[in-house]
């Protein structure tokens, strides 16, 4: 769940002030805080630009499964690089 209240507090902003910075209605931010609505991709990108952490964005779900997500990202990155012909094997041969 989005931890928008914690993010706003960390930035020294009220939810109303955060809404103004994001160019959305305060009611929209209140809905995010209540968990009844989620921000769009463009708003998430803006929140990331303002410094929201992955934990504030994804909450406990990310924290509980961080290793799984990181492994998926690493595997996807390795496959992408290998498709480009870049060797991703970092182990040294003896």
Protein backbone atom coordinates (compact mmCIF):
# COMPACT_ATOMS: atom_id res chain seq x y z
CA UNK A 1 0.00 0.00 0.00
CA UNK A 2 1.23 3.46 -0.89
CA UNK A 3 2.70 5.23 2.13
CA UNK A 4 1.95 8.71 0.88
CA UNK A 5 1.45 10.19 4.36
CA UNK A 6 4.91 9.06 5.44
CA UNK A 7 6.44 10.46 2.27
CA UNK A 8 4.71 13.83 2.63
CA UNK A 9 5.73 14.04 6.30
CA UNK A 10 9.35 13.21 5.44
CA UNK A 11 9.33 16.00 2.87
CA UNK A 12 7.74 18.40 5.37
CA UNK A 13 4.55 18.69 3.33
CA UNK A 14 0.88 18.32 4.09
CA UNK A 15 -1.10 16.09 1.75
CA UNK A 16 -2.71 19.23 0.35
CA UNK A 17 0.72 20.75 -0.38
CA UNK A 18 1.86 17.51 -2.00
CA UNK A 19 -1.24 17.52 -4.18
CA UNK A 20 -0.40 21.04 -5.35
CA UNK A 21 3.20 19.99 -6.18
CA UNK A 22 1.87 17.04 -8.19
CA UNK A 23 -0.83 19.08 -9.94
CA UNK A 24 -3.70 16.95 -8.65
CA UNK A 25 -6.68 17.65 -6.41
CA UNK A 26 -6.15 17.12 -2.67
CA UNK A 27 -8.99 14.58 -2.73
CA UNK A 28 -6.92 12.46 -5.10
CA UNK A 29 -4.00 12.33 -2.67
CA UNK A 30 -6.37 11.57 0.22
CA UNK A 31 -7.69 8.59 -1.76
CA UNK A 32 -4.13 7.32 -2.28
CA UNK A 33 -3.50 7.65 1.46
CA UNK A 34 -6.70 5.75 2.23
CA UNK A 35 -5.83 3.02 -0.26
CA UNK A 36 -8.98 3.52 -2.30
CA UNK A 37 -7.14 4.70 -5.40
CA UNK A 38 -3.63 4.51 -6.86
CA UNK A 39 -1.58 7.09 -8.76
CA UNK A 40 -1.06 6.90 -12.49
CA UNK A 41 2.30 6.05 -14.04
CA UNK A 42 3.00 9.74 -14.69
CA UNK A 43 2.31 10.61 -11.05
CA UNK A 44 4.49 7.72 -9.85
CA UNK A 45 7.28 9.04 -12.05
CA UNK A 46 6.81 12.50 -10.51
CA UNK A 47 6.78 11.03 -6.99
CA UNK A 48 10.06 9.24 -7.79
CA UNK A 49 11.48 12.54 -9.03
CA UNK A 50 10.46 14.13 -5.72
CA UNK A 51 12.30 11.37 -3.86
CA UNK A 52 9.72 8.80 -2.79
CA UNK A 53 11.39 5.54 -1.78
CA UNK A 54 10.41 2.12 -3.07
CA UNK A 55 9.22 1.25 0.43
CA UNK A 56 6.94 4.33 0.52
CA UNK A 57 5.70 3.47 -2.95
CA UNK A 58 5.17 -0.27 -2.48
CA UNK A 59 5.02 -0.62 1.30
CA UNK A 60 5.51 -3.92 3.05
CA UNK A 61 4.89 -5.87 -0.13
CA UNK A 62 8.20 -4.65 -1.52
CA UNK A 63 10.04 -5.02 1.79
CA UNK A 64 8.82 -8.58 2.24
CA UNK A 65 9.72 -9.60 -1.30
CA UNK A 66 12.64 -7.30 -2.05
CA UNK A 67 15.08 -10.16 -2.73
CA UNK A 68 12.65 -11.76 -5.20
CA UNK A 69 12.14 -8.45 -7.06
CA UNK A 70 15.87 -7.74 -7.15
CA UNK A 71 16.62 -11.22 -8.49
CA UNK A 72 14.02 -10.76 -11.23
CA UNK A 73 15.52 -7.42 -12.21
CA UNK A 74 19.03 -8.89 -12.27
CA UNK A 75 17.93 -11.86 -14.40
CA UNK A 76 16.05 -9.62 -16.82
CA UNK A 77 19.06 -7.31 -17.10
CA UNK A 78 21.41 -10.24 -17.71
CA UNK A 79 19.15 -11.63 -20.44
CA UNK A 80 18.93 -8.21 -22.08
CA UNK A 81 22.72 -7.81 -22.06
CA UNK A 82 23.25 -11.34 -23.33
CA UNK A 83 20.83 -10.64 -26.19
CA UNK A 84 23.11 -7.73 -27.07
CA UNK A 85 26.07 -10.09 -27.07
CA UNK A 86 27.54 -8.85 -23.78
CA UNK A 87 28.91 -11.53 -21.50
CA UNK A 88 27.38 -11.18 -18.03
CA UNK A 89 29.35 -14.00 -16.42
CA UNK A 90 31.36 -12.19 -13.73
CA UNK A 91 33.05 -15.26 -12.28
CA UNK A 92 36.76 -15.39 -12.99
CA UNK A 93 38.11 -18.59 -14.50
CA UNK A 94 41.20 -20.11 -12.97
